[in-house]
Structures are given as structure tokens and as C-alpha cells.
Amino acid sequence: MRTIVWARKLAQSRFLRFGVVGAGGFVVNEAALWVMIAGVHLDRYLAQIPAFFVAVTFTWWGNRMLTFREHAAQANLLAEWGKFAAANGLGGIANYATYVTLLRFAPFPVNIPYIALLAGTFVGLIFNFTLSKRFVFRAAP
């Protein structure tokens, strides 16, 4: 019964759907960060930059298909992705600033890159939702 209630709330709440897509984006970001650090051998500061672009592409697609489907672009997907990436850049900057600050100044275990990324993700969530709703996936005037 609780699953049904949660599923209804998810279906009705754009913010919850955005959060579900964002949770998937977090997993994608963590995996990309790991690849950049362990596979490509980028340092832990630089590695988050390409990992962010992988995650922003994943979340753009998820949000256009689940969260803001009725307002998704029908034609120019590249332009929509660009607007989404730009709008979420502010959240990305807040995310990255939190990440770097925790790496440099927080005690163990908060300064572990994967934990610092989790904290940054929460900081960026509010910025990203608001700008996506108002700038990228808004109803046509």
C-alpha cells in the first residue's frame, strides 16, 4: 500500500520526479568520476569537470522524458540541451564549489571525493530544479 501512495506522489510531484532523475544522475556522475580518476588518471579536482557533463546529459534526457515531458522541445534537441546545461551550470558551480571546499577543508571521511560529490549534489539540486523549470522546460507563452 505504501508503494502505491509513494508512486502517486511521484507522479504528481515534479520536484520528486526531478529528484528521482537527479538520483540517477548522481549514480552516473559517481561512475564517471570514478572512470576519470581510476581509468583516465585525472586528478580528483579536474576529474569532476568531464564527469559533470556526462551527468548533465543523462539528467537532461531524464527530465525531458519524465519530469517536464509536456514542455520538452519537439525539434531542436541540441538547443534544449544547451539551455539545460547553461541553466544547470549555476547549480554545477555551487556543486563544484562545495566539492572542492570539502576536499580541501573537511575532515576525513567528508573529504573523500565521492562523499564530497554527494554533498555538492544536494546543494545544486535546488538551483537546478528552479532554473530548469523557469528557463528550460517552461510552458510556451
N, C-alpha and C. Protein backbone atom coordinates (compact mmCIF):
# COMPACT_ATOMS: atom_id res chain seq x y z
N MET A 1 0.81 -1.19 0.00
CA MET A 1 0.00 0.00 0.00
C MET A 1 0.86 1.27 0.00
N ARG A 2 1.94 1.27 0.79
CA ARG A 2 2.82 2.44 0.84
C ARG A 2 3.47 2.70 -0.51
N THR A 3 3.78 1.65 -1.24
CA THR A 3 4.38 1.80 -2.56
C THR A 3 3.43 2.53 -3.50
N ILE A 4 2.15 2.21 -3.43
CA ILE A 4 1.15 2.86 -4.28
C ILE A 4 1.05 4.34 -3.93
N VAL A 5 1.04 4.67 -2.65
CA VAL A 5 0.97 6.07 -2.22
C VAL A 5 2.20 6.82 -2.71
N TRP A 6 3.38 6.22 -2.55
CA TRP A 6 4.62 6.86 -2.99
C TRP A 6 4.61 7.05 -4.51
N ALA A 7 4.14 6.06 -5.24
CA ALA A 7 4.09 6.16 -6.71
C ALA A 7 3.14 7.27 -7.14
N ARG A 8 2.02 7.44 -6.45
CA ARG A 8 1.08 8.53 -6.78
C ARG A 8 1.71 9.90 -6.51
N LYS A 9 2.40 10.01 -5.38
CA LYS A 9 3.06 11.27 -5.06
C LYS A 9 4.14 11.59 -6.08
N LEU A 10 4.86 10.57 -6.50
CA LEU A 10 5.89 10.75 -7.51
C LEU A 10 5.28 11.23 -8.81
N ALA A 11 4.18 10.63 -9.21
CA ALA A 11 3.52 11.00 -10.46
C ALA A 11 2.99 12.44 -10.40
N GLN A 12 2.60 12.89 -9.23
CA GLN A 12 2.02 14.22 -9.09
C GLN A 12 3.04 15.33 -8.83
N SER A 13 4.20 14.99 -8.34
CA SER A 13 5.17 16.00 -7.94
C SER A 13 6.33 16.10 -8.92
N ARG A 14 6.42 17.24 -9.57
CA ARG A 14 7.54 17.48 -10.47
C ARG A 14 8.86 17.46 -9.72
N PHE A 15 8.87 18.03 -8.52
CA PHE A 15 10.10 18.07 -7.74
C PHE A 15 10.57 16.66 -7.38
N LEU A 16 9.65 15.78 -7.01
CA LEU A 16 10.04 14.39 -6.71
C LEU A 16 10.56 13.68 -7.96
N ARG A 17 9.92 13.89 -9.09
CA ARG A 17 10.41 13.29 -10.34
C ARG A 17 11.79 13.83 -10.68
N PHE A 18 11.98 15.14 -10.49
CA PHE A 18 13.28 15.75 -10.71
C PHE A 18 14.32 15.10 -9.79
N GLY A 19 13.92 14.85 -8.55
CA GLY A 19 14.81 14.20 -7.60
C GLY A 19 15.17 12.78 -7.99
N VAL A 20 14.20 12.04 -8.52
CA VAL A 20 14.47 10.67 -8.98
C VAL A 20 15.46 10.68 -10.14
N VAL A 21 15.23 11.57 -11.10
CA VAL A 21 16.17 11.70 -12.22
C VAL A 21 17.53 12.13 -11.70
N GLY A 22 17.53 13.07 -10.77
CA GLY A 22 18.78 13.54 -10.18
C GLY A 22 19.53 12.44 -9.44
N ALA A 23 18.79 11.55 -8.77
CA ALA A 23 19.44 10.42 -8.09
C ALA A 23 20.13 9.52 -9.11
N GLY A 24 19.46 9.29 -10.22
CA GLY A 24 20.10 8.52 -11.30
C GLY A 24 21.32 9.26 -11.84
N GLY A 25 21.18 10.59 -11.97
CA GLY A 25 22.30 11.40 -12.42
C GLY A 25 23.47 11.36 -11.46
N PHE A 26 23.16 11.27 -10.17
CA PHE A 26 24.22 11.16 -9.18
C PHE A 26 25.01 9.86 -9.37
N VAL A 27 24.30 8.77 -9.60
CA VAL A 27 24.97 7.48 -9.85
C VAL A 27 25.84 7.57 -11.10
N VAL A 28 25.29 8.17 -12.15
CA VAL A 28 26.05 8.35 -13.39
C VAL A 28 27.27 9.23 -13.14
N ASN A 29 27.09 10.32 -12.36
CA ASN A 29 28.20 11.21 -12.05
C ASN A 29 29.28 10.49 -11.25
N GLU A 30 28.88 9.71 -10.26
CA GLU A 30 29.84 8.95 -9.46
C GLU A 30 30.63 7.97 -10.34
N ALA A 31 29.92 7.28 -11.22
CA ALA A 31 30.59 6.32 -12.11
C ALA A 31 31.56 7.04 -13.05
N ALA A 32 31.13 8.16 -13.61
CA ALA A 32 32.01 8.93 -14.50
C ALA A 32 33.20 9.49 -13.73
N LEU A 33 32.97 9.93 -12.50
CA LEU A 33 34.07 10.43 -11.67
C LEU A 33 35.08 9.31 -11.42
N TRP A 34 34.60 8.15 -11.10
CA TRP A 34 35.48 7.00 -10.87
C TRP A 34 36.30 6.69 -12.13
N VAL A 35 35.64 6.69 -13.29
CA VAL A 35 36.35 6.42 -14.55
C VAL A 35 37.43 7.48 -14.78
N MET A 36 37.10 8.74 -14.53
CA MET A 36 38.06 9.81 -14.76
C MET A 36 39.25 9.73 -13.80
N ILE A 37 39.00 9.32 -12.55
CA ILE A 37 40.08 9.22 -11.57
C ILE A 37 40.87 7.92 -11.76
N ALA A 38 40.17 6.79 -11.77
CA ALA A 38 40.84 5.49 -11.80
C ALA A 38 41.25 5.05 -13.20
N GLY A 39 40.47 5.41 -14.21
CA GLY A 39 40.75 4.94 -15.57
C GLY A 39 41.57 5.91 -16.40
N VAL A 40 41.18 7.19 -16.37
CA VAL A 40 41.84 8.20 -17.18
C VAL A 40 43.02 8.82 -16.40
N HIS A 41 42.99 8.67 -15.09
CA HIS A 41 44.05 9.17 -14.19
C HIS A 41 44.11 10.68 -14.12
N LEU A 42 42.94 11.32 -14.19
CA LEU A 42 42.88 12.76 -13.93
C LEU A 42 42.96 12.98 -12.43
N ASP A 43 43.44 14.14 -12.00
CA ASP A 43 43.46 14.39 -10.56
C ASP A 43 42.02 14.59 -10.08
N ARG A 44 41.83 14.46 -8.79
CA ARG A 44 40.47 14.44 -8.23
C ARG A 44 39.73 15.76 -8.38
N TYR A 45 40.42 16.85 -8.63
CA TYR A 45 39.76 18.14 -8.86
C TYR A 45 39.28 18.26 -10.32
N LEU A 46 40.15 17.96 -11.24
CA LEU A 46 39.84 18.06 -12.66
C LEU A 46 38.84 16.98 -13.10
N ALA A 47 38.89 15.83 -12.47
CA ALA A 47 38.05 14.69 -12.87
C ALA A 47 36.56 14.99 -12.82
N GLN A 48 36.13 15.87 -11.92
CA GLN A 48 34.71 16.16 -11.78
C GLN A 48 34.16 16.96 -12.96
N ILE A 49 35.00 17.67 -13.67
CA ILE A 49 34.51 18.51 -14.78
C ILE A 49 33.93 17.66 -15.91
N PRO A 50 34.67 16.70 -16.50
CA PRO A 50 34.03 15.86 -17.53
C PRO A 50 32.92 14.98 -16.96
N ALA A 51 33.07 14.56 -15.71
CA ALA A 51 32.02 13.75 -15.08
C ALA A 51 30.71 14.54 -15.00
N PHE A 52 30.79 15.83 -14.74
CA PHE A 52 29.60 16.69 -14.70
C PHE A 52 28.88 16.69 -16.05
N PHE A 53 29.63 16.80 -17.15
CA PHE A 53 28.99 16.85 -18.47
C PHE A 53 28.31 15.53 -18.83
N VAL A 54 28.87 14.44 -18.39
CA VAL A 54 28.21 13.15 -18.59
C VAL A 54 26.89 13.13 -17.81
N ALA A 55 26.95 13.56 -16.55
CA ALA A 55 25.76 13.56 -15.71
C ALA A 55 24.70 14.55 -16.20
N VAL A 56 25.11 15.73 -16.67
CA VAL A 56 24.14 16.71 -17.13
C VAL A 56 23.41 16.21 -18.38
N THR A 57 24.09 15.46 -19.21
CA THR A 57 23.45 14.89 -20.39
C THR A 57 22.42 13.84 -19.99
N PHE A 58 22.79 13.00 -19.04
CA PHE A 58 21.86 11.99 -18.53
C PHE A 58 20.62 12.65 -17.91
N THR A 59 20.83 13.67 -17.06
CA THR A 59 19.69 14.29 -16.38
C THR A 59 18.84 15.13 -17.32
N TRP A 60 19.45 15.72 -18.33
CA TRP A 60 18.66 16.45 -19.33
C TRP A 60 17.68 15.48 -19.99
N TRP A 61 18.18 14.34 -20.42
CA TRP A 61 17.31 13.38 -21.10
C TRP A 61 16.23 12.85 -20.16
N GLY A 62 16.62 12.50 -18.94
CA GLY A 62 15.64 12.01 -17.97
C GLY A 62 14.58 13.03 -17.65
N ASN A 63 14.97 14.28 -17.49
CA ASN A 63 13.99 15.31 -17.16
C ASN A 63 13.08 15.66 -18.33
N ARG A 64 13.59 15.60 -19.54
CA ARG A 64 12.72 15.86 -20.68
C ARG A 64 11.74 14.72 -20.91
N MET A 65 12.10 13.51 -20.49
CA MET A 65 11.22 12.36 -20.68
C MET A 65 10.27 12.12 -19.50
N LEU A 66 10.67 12.49 -18.28
CA LEU A 66 9.88 12.18 -17.09
C LEU A 66 9.33 13.43 -16.40
N THR A 67 10.18 14.37 -16.09
CA THR A 67 9.79 15.49 -15.25
C THR A 67 9.02 16.57 -16.01
N PHE A 68 9.53 16.95 -17.16
CA PHE A 68 8.96 18.07 -17.92
C PHE A 68 8.52 17.64 -19.32
N ARG A 69 8.05 16.44 -19.45
CA ARG A 69 7.71 15.87 -20.76
C ARG A 69 6.81 16.79 -21.59
N GLU A 70 5.82 17.39 -20.96
CA GLU A 70 4.87 18.22 -21.70
C GLU A 70 5.48 19.53 -22.20
N HIS A 71 6.64 19.90 -21.69
CA HIS A 71 7.29 21.13 -22.11
C HIS A 71 8.61 20.88 -22.85
N ALA A 72 8.92 19.64 -23.16
CA ALA A 72 10.18 19.31 -23.83
C ALA A 72 10.13 19.78 -25.29
N ALA A 73 11.29 20.16 -25.78
CA ALA A 73 11.40 20.62 -27.16
C ALA A 73 11.02 19.49 -28.11
N GLN A 74 10.36 19.84 -29.18
CA GLN A 74 9.98 18.86 -30.19
C GLN A 74 10.95 18.83 -31.36
N ALA A 75 11.72 19.89 -31.52
CA ALA A 75 12.60 19.98 -32.68
C ALA A 75 14.07 20.05 -32.29
N ASN A 76 14.53 21.16 -31.82
CA ASN A 76 15.95 21.39 -31.64
C ASN A 76 16.45 20.87 -30.29
N LEU A 77 16.78 19.60 -30.26
CA LEU A 77 17.24 18.97 -29.02
C LEU A 77 18.59 19.53 -28.56
N LEU A 78 19.46 19.83 -29.50
CA LEU A 78 20.77 20.37 -29.14
C LEU A 78 20.63 21.72 -28.45
N ALA A 79 19.74 22.56 -28.94
CA ALA A 79 19.50 23.86 -28.31
C ALA A 79 18.92 23.67 -26.91
N GLU A 80 18.01 22.72 -26.76
CA GLU A 80 17.43 22.45 -25.44
C GLU A 80 18.51 21.94 -24.48
N TRP A 81 19.36 21.02 -24.97
CA TRP A 81 20.46 20.53 -24.14
C TRP A 81 21.36 21.69 -23.72
N GLY A 82 21.66 22.59 -24.65
CA GLY A 82 22.50 23.74 -24.34
C GLY A 82 21.89 24.62 -23.27
N LYS A 83 20.59 24.87 -23.38
CA LYS A 83 19.89 25.67 -22.36
C LYS A 83 19.90 24.95 -21.02
N PHE A 84 19.69 23.65 -21.05
CA PHE A 84 19.70 22.86 -19.82
C PHE A 84 21.08 22.89 -19.17
N ALA A 85 22.12 22.69 -19.98
CA ALA A 85 23.49 22.71 -19.46
C ALA A 85 23.84 24.09 -18.89
N ALA A 86 23.43 25.15 -19.59
CA ALA A 86 23.70 26.51 -19.12
C ALA A 86 22.93 26.81 -17.83
N ALA A 87 21.65 26.47 -17.82
CA ALA A 87 20.83 26.72 -16.64
C ALA A 87 21.34 25.94 -15.44
N ASN A 88 21.75 24.72 -15.68
CA ASN A 88 22.25 23.89 -14.59
C ASN A 88 23.72 24.17 -14.27
N GLY A 89 24.33 25.02 -15.07
CA GLY A 89 25.70 25.42 -14.77
C GLY A 89 25.82 26.13 -13.43
N LEU A 90 24.81 26.93 -13.08
CA LEU A 90 24.83 27.60 -11.78
C LEU A 90 24.80 26.57 -10.65
N GLY A 91 23.91 25.61 -10.78
CA GLY A 91 23.88 24.52 -9.80
C GLY A 91 25.18 23.73 -9.84
N GLY A 92 25.74 23.57 -11.03
CA GLY A 92 27.02 22.87 -11.17
C GLY A 92 28.16 23.62 -10.49
N ILE A 93 28.13 24.95 -10.58
CA ILE A 93 29.15 25.75 -9.91
C ILE A 93 29.01 25.61 -8.39
N ALA A 94 27.79 25.70 -7.90
CA ALA A 94 27.56 25.51 -6.46
C ALA A 94 27.98 24.10 -6.03
N ASN A 95 27.65 23.12 -6.86
CA ASN A 95 28.03 21.73 -6.61
C ASN A 95 29.54 21.61 -6.55
N TYR A 96 30.23 22.15 -7.56
CA TYR A 96 31.68 22.04 -7.63
C TYR A 96 32.37 22.80 -6.50
N ALA A 97 31.84 23.98 -6.16
CA ALA A 97 32.42 24.77 -5.07
C ALA A 97 32.31 24.00 -3.75
N THR A 98 31.18 23.36 -3.53
CA THR A 98 31.02 22.54 -2.33
C THR A 98 31.99 21.38 -2.35
N TYR A 99 32.09 20.71 -3.49
CA TYR A 99 33.00 19.58 -3.67
C TYR A 99 34.44 19.97 -3.34
N VAL A 100 34.93 21.05 -3.95
CA VAL A 100 36.32 21.49 -3.74
C VAL A 100 36.53 21.93 -2.29
N THR A 101 35.58 22.67 -1.75
CA THR A 101 35.70 23.12 -0.36
C THR A 101 35.81 21.95 0.59
N LEU A 102 34.99 20.94 0.39
CA LEU A 102 35.05 19.76 1.27
C LEU A 102 36.34 18.98 1.06
N LEU A 103 36.80 18.86 -0.18
CA LEU A 103 38.06 18.16 -0.42
C LEU A 103 39.21 18.86 0.31
N ARG A 104 39.23 20.17 0.29
CA ARG A 104 40.35 20.92 0.86
C ARG A 104 40.27 21.11 2.36
N PHE A 105 39.05 21.32 2.89
CA PHE A 105 38.95 21.76 4.28
C PHE A 105 38.22 20.81 5.22
N ALA A 106 37.47 19.88 4.71
CA ALA A 106 36.69 18.99 5.58
C ALA A 106 37.58 17.86 6.10
N PRO A 107 37.24 17.36 7.27
CA PRO A 107 37.99 16.22 7.80
C PRO A 107 37.55 14.92 7.12
N PHE A 108 38.35 13.90 7.27
CA PHE A 108 38.00 12.56 6.81
C PHE A 108 36.77 12.10 7.58
N PRO A 109 35.81 11.49 7.00
CA PRO A 109 35.68 10.97 5.65
C PRO A 109 34.97 11.92 4.69
N VAL A 110 34.59 13.11 5.17
CA VAL A 110 33.85 14.04 4.32
C VAL A 110 34.70 14.52 3.14
N ASN A 111 36.03 14.46 3.25
CA ASN A 111 36.90 14.91 2.17
C ASN A 111 37.18 13.83 1.13
N ILE A 112 36.53 12.69 1.24
CA ILE A 112 36.62 11.66 0.20
C ILE A 112 35.84 12.17 -1.02
N PRO A 113 36.42 12.10 -2.23
CA PRO A 113 35.76 12.69 -3.39
C PRO A 113 34.30 12.27 -3.59
N TYR A 114 33.96 11.04 -3.33
CA TYR A 114 32.61 10.55 -3.59
C TYR A 114 31.61 11.09 -2.57
N ILE A 115 32.04 11.29 -1.35
CA ILE A 115 31.18 11.87 -0.32
C ILE A 115 31.04 13.37 -0.54
N ALA A 116 32.14 14.03 -0.90
CA ALA A 116 32.09 15.46 -1.20
C ALA A 116 31.16 15.72 -2.39
N LEU A 117 31.17 14.83 -3.37
CA LEU A 117 30.28 14.96 -4.52
C LEU A 117 28.82 14.84 -4.10
N LEU A 118 28.52 13.94 -3.17
CA LEU A 118 27.15 13.78 -2.68
C LEU A 118 26.66 15.09 -2.06
N ALA A 119 27.48 15.71 -1.22
CA ALA A 119 27.10 16.98 -0.60
C ALA A 119 26.88 18.06 -1.67
N GLY A 120 27.77 18.12 -2.63
CA GLY A 120 27.63 19.10 -3.71
C GLY A 120 26.37 18.89 -4.52
N THR A 121 26.00 17.64 -4.70
CA THR A 121 24.79 17.31 -5.44
C THR A 121 23.55 17.88 -4.76
N PHE A 122 23.48 17.77 -3.45
CA PHE A 122 22.34 18.33 -2.73
C PHE A 122 22.29 19.85 -2.82
N VAL A 123 23.44 20.49 -2.78
CA VAL A 123 23.48 21.95 -2.89
C VAL A 123 22.97 22.38 -4.27
N GLY A 124 23.39 21.67 -5.32
CA GLY A 124 22.99 22.02 -6.68
C GLY A 124 21.54 21.71 -7.01
N LEU A 125 20.91 20.82 -6.26
CA LEU A 125 19.54 20.36 -6.57
C LEU A 125 18.55 21.51 -6.67
N ILE A 126 18.54 22.38 -5.69
CA ILE A 126 17.56 23.47 -5.68
C ILE A 126 17.81 24.44 -6.84
N PHE A 127 19.06 24.79 -7.08
CA PHE A 127 19.38 25.66 -8.21
C PHE A 127 18.91 25.02 -9.52
N ASN A 128 19.23 23.76 -9.71
CA ASN A 128 18.93 23.07 -10.97
C ASN A 128 17.43 22.94 -11.22
N PHE A 129 16.66 22.59 -10.19
CA PHE A 129 15.22 22.44 -10.37
C PHE A 129 14.58 23.77 -10.76
N THR A 130 14.91 24.81 -10.01
CA THR A 130 14.30 26.11 -10.25
C THR A 130 14.62 26.64 -11.64
N LEU A 131 15.89 26.58 -12.03
CA LEU A 131 16.26 27.10 -13.34
C LEU A 131 15.75 26.23 -14.48
N SER A 132 15.70 24.93 -14.28
CA SER A 132 15.15 24.05 -15.32
C SER A 132 13.68 24.34 -15.55
N LYS A 133 12.95 24.51 -14.46
CA LYS A 133 11.51 24.77 -14.55
C LYS A 133 11.22 26.13 -15.19
N ARG A 134 12.00 27.14 -14.82
CA ARG A 134 11.71 28.51 -15.28
C ARG A 134 12.36 28.88 -16.60
N PHE A 135 13.47 28.22 -16.95
CA PHE A 135 14.23 28.64 -18.12
C PHE A 135 14.21 27.63 -19.25
N VAL A 136 14.31 26.37 -18.94
CA VAL A 136 14.46 25.35 -20.00
C VAL A 136 13.13 24.73 -20.38
N PHE A 137 12.39 24.24 -19.42
CA PHE A 137 11.15 23.48 -19.68
C PHE A 137 9.93 24.27 -19.23
N ARG A 138 9.77 25.46 -19.73
CA ARG A 138 8.62 26.26 -19.33
C ARG A 138 7.53 26.18 -20.40
N ALA A 139 6.33 26.46 -19.97
CA ALA A 139 5.21 26.45 -20.92
C ALA A 139 5.40 27.58 -21.93
N ALA A 140 5.02 27.32 -23.15
CA ALA A 140 5.13 28.33 -24.21
C ALA A 140 4.25 29.52 -23.87
N PRO A 141 4.76 30.75 -24.10
CA PRO A 141 3.97 31.96 -23.77
C PRO A 141 2.77 32.12 -24.68
